[in-house]
Amino acid sequence: MEDKIVLIDENGEEREFEMVVSMDLEGKTYVLLSENEESDDVYPFVITEDEEGEVLMPVESEAEFAMIEEAYEALMDEEDEAE
């Protein structure tokens, strides 16, 4: 992982994340972010646009989360088969 993204948390503190993967699903672009390579915690975001440009918004819908999880698992299965 090499793409670094800095986000401001709810306390106004900067947190650095690494992009795990970017996926286009149903006309939207989703990214999965992790705090570091060793972390098992992955956070899903959807890329939206506002007047200032692209913005990452947390995925809050359970249906969207399930869709992302399924697509990510399929992607990981494909990578495992390729190895």
C-alpha atoms as a PDB file:
ATOM      1  CA  MET A   1       0.000   0.000   0.000  1.00  0.00           C
ATOM      2  CA  GLU A   2       1.374   3.364  -0.889  1.00  0.00           C
ATOM      3  CA  ASP A   3      -1.478   5.873  -1.285  1.00  0.00           C
ATOM      4  CA  LYS A   4      -1.672   7.979   1.891  1.00  0.00           C
ATOM      5  CA  ILE A   5      -4.799   9.939   2.777  1.00  0.00           C
ATOM      6  CA  VAL A   6      -5.121  12.308   5.728  1.00  0.00           C
ATOM      7  CA  LEU A   7      -8.603  12.709   7.217  1.00  0.00           C
ATOM      8  CA  ILE A   8      -9.848  14.879  10.059  1.00  0.00           C
ATOM      9  CA  ASP A   9     -11.718  12.858  12.692  1.00  0.00           C
ATOM     10  CA  GLU A  10     -14.715  13.945  14.749  1.00  0.00           C
ATOM     11  CA  ASN A  11     -12.331  15.475  17.339  1.00  0.00           C
ATOM     12  CA  GLY A  12     -10.608  17.639  14.721  1.00  0.00           C
ATOM     13  CA  GLU A  13      -7.439  15.532  14.789  1.00  0.00           C
ATOM     14  CA  GLU A  14      -5.611  14.453  11.643  1.00  0.00           C
ATOM     15  CA  ARG A  15      -5.390  10.703  11.033  1.00  0.00           C
ATOM     16  CA  GLU A  16      -3.345   9.132   8.261  1.00  0.00           C
ATOM     17  CA  PHE A  17      -4.768   6.213   6.299  1.00  0.00           C
ATOM     18  CA  GLU A  18      -3.542   3.990   3.506  1.00  0.00           C
ATOM     19  CA  MET A  19      -5.751   3.142   0.552  1.00  0.00           C
ATOM     20  CA  VAL A  20      -6.359  -0.598   0.455  1.00  0.00           C
ATOM     21  CA  VAL A  21      -8.432  -0.627  -2.724  1.00  0.00           C
ATOM     22  CA  SER A  22     -10.654   1.533  -4.900  1.00  0.00           C
ATOM     23  CA  MET A  23     -13.709  -0.038  -6.548  1.00  0.00           C
ATOM     24  CA  ASP A  24     -16.361   1.233  -8.953  1.00  0.00           C
ATOM     25  CA  LEU A  25     -19.715  -0.275  -8.015  1.00  0.00           C
ATOM     26  CA  GLU A  26     -23.161   0.693  -9.296  1.00  0.00           C
ATOM     27  CA  GLY A  27     -21.982   4.035 -10.658  1.00  0.00           C
ATOM     28  CA  LYS A  28     -20.117   5.099  -7.504  1.00  0.00           C
ATOM     29  CA  THR A  29     -16.469   4.903  -6.510  1.00  0.00           C
ATOM     30  CA  TYR A  30     -15.742   3.354  -3.133  1.00  0.00           C
ATOM     31  CA  VAL A  31     -12.411   3.222  -1.324  1.00  0.00           C
ATOM     32  CA  LEU A  32     -11.350   1.056   1.578  1.00  0.00           C
ATOM     33  CA  LEU A  33      -8.890   2.705   3.958  1.00  0.00           C
ATOM     34  CA  SER A  34      -6.725   1.231   6.705  1.00  0.00           C
ATOM     35  CA  GLU A  35      -4.617   2.973   9.349  1.00  0.00           C
ATOM     36  CA  ASN A  36      -1.636   0.748   8.541  1.00  0.00           C
ATOM     37  CA  GLU A  37      -0.701  -2.465   6.756  1.00  0.00           C
ATOM     38  CA  GLU A  38      -0.817  -4.523   9.943  1.00  0.00           C
ATOM     39  CA  SER A  39      -4.324  -3.398  10.888  1.00  0.00           C
ATOM     40  CA  ASP A  40      -7.272  -5.688  10.236  1.00  0.00           C
ATOM     41  CA  ASP A  41      -9.618  -2.701  10.475  1.00  0.00           C
ATOM     42  CA  VAL A  42     -10.736  -1.370   7.097  1.00  0.00           C
ATOM     43  CA  TYR A  43     -13.031   1.631   6.716  1.00  0.00           C
ATOM     44  CA  PRO A  44     -15.297   2.056   3.655  1.00  0.00           C
ATOM     45  CA  PHE A  45     -15.854   5.462   2.062  1.00  0.00           C
ATOM     46  CA  VAL A  46     -17.685   6.640  -1.032  1.00  0.00           C
ATOM     47  CA  ILE A  47     -16.214   9.404  -3.195  1.00  0.00           C
ATOM     48  CA  THR A  48     -18.670  12.229  -3.819  1.00  0.00           C
ATOM     49  CA  GLU A  49     -18.240  15.692  -5.294  1.00  0.00           C
ATOM     50  CA  ASP A  50     -19.103  19.047  -3.852  1.00  0.00           C
ATOM     51  CA  GLU A  51     -18.278  22.615  -4.897  1.00  0.00           C
ATOM     52  CA  GLU A  52     -14.677  22.120  -3.721  1.00  0.00           C
ATOM     53  CA  GLY A  53     -14.059  18.822  -5.548  1.00  0.00           C
ATOM     54  CA  GLU A  54     -13.909  15.192  -4.458  1.00  0.00           C
ATOM     55  CA  VAL A  55     -14.911  14.366  -0.892  1.00  0.00           C
ATOM     56  CA  LEU A  56     -14.729  11.069   1.011  1.00  0.00           C
ATOM     57  CA  MET A  57     -17.934  10.263   2.875  1.00  0.00           C
ATOM     58  CA  PRO A  58     -18.183   7.302   5.259  1.00  0.00           C
ATOM     59  CA  VAL A  59     -20.458   4.482   4.120  1.00  0.00           C
ATOM     60  CA  GLU A  60     -23.328   4.303   6.583  1.00  0.00           C
ATOM     61  CA  SER A  61     -25.869   2.203   4.688  1.00  0.00           C
ATOM     62  CA  GLU A  62     -25.847  -1.474   5.653  1.00  0.00           C
ATOM     63  CA  ALA A  63     -26.843  -2.392   2.085  1.00  0.00           C
ATOM     64  CA  GLU A  64     -23.900  -0.450   0.626  1.00  0.00           C
ATOM     65  CA  PHE A  65     -21.567  -1.931   3.229  1.00  0.00           C
ATOM     66  CA  ALA A  66     -22.698  -5.464   2.316  1.00  0.00           C
ATOM     67  CA  MET A  67     -22.222  -4.730  -1.412  1.00  0.00           C
ATOM     68  CA  ILE A  68     -18.686  -3.415  -0.796  1.00  0.00           C
ATOM     69  CA  GLU A  69     -17.819  -6.365   1.431  1.00  0.00           C
ATOM     70  CA  GLU A  70     -18.993  -8.846  -1.209  1.00  0.00           C
ATOM     71  CA  ALA A  71     -17.044  -7.098  -3.992  1.00  0.00           C
ATOM     72  CA  TYR A  72     -13.894  -6.917  -1.827  1.00  0.00           C
ATOM     73  CA  GLU A  73     -14.097 -10.606  -0.929  1.00  0.00           C
ATOM     74  CA  ALA A  74     -14.511 -11.490  -4.624  1.00  0.00           C
ATOM     75  CA  LEU A  75     -11.474  -9.350  -5.457  1.00  0.00           C
ATOM     76  CA  MET A  76      -9.388 -11.041  -2.757  1.00  0.00           C
ATOM     77  CA  ASP A  77     -10.501 -14.479  -3.996  1.00  0.00           C
ATOM     78  CA  GLU A  78      -9.354 -13.534  -7.518  1.00  0.00           C
ATOM     79  CA  GLU A  79      -5.949 -12.430  -6.182  1.00  0.00           C
ATOM     80  CA  ASP A  80      -5.591 -15.668  -4.196  1.00  0.00           C
ATOM     81  CA  GLU A  81      -6.365 -17.733  -7.302  1.00  0.00           C
ATOM     82  CA  ALA A  82      -3.806 -15.752  -9.333  1.00  0.00           C
ATOM     83  CA  GLU A  83      -1.019 -16.592  -6.871  1.00  0.00           C
END
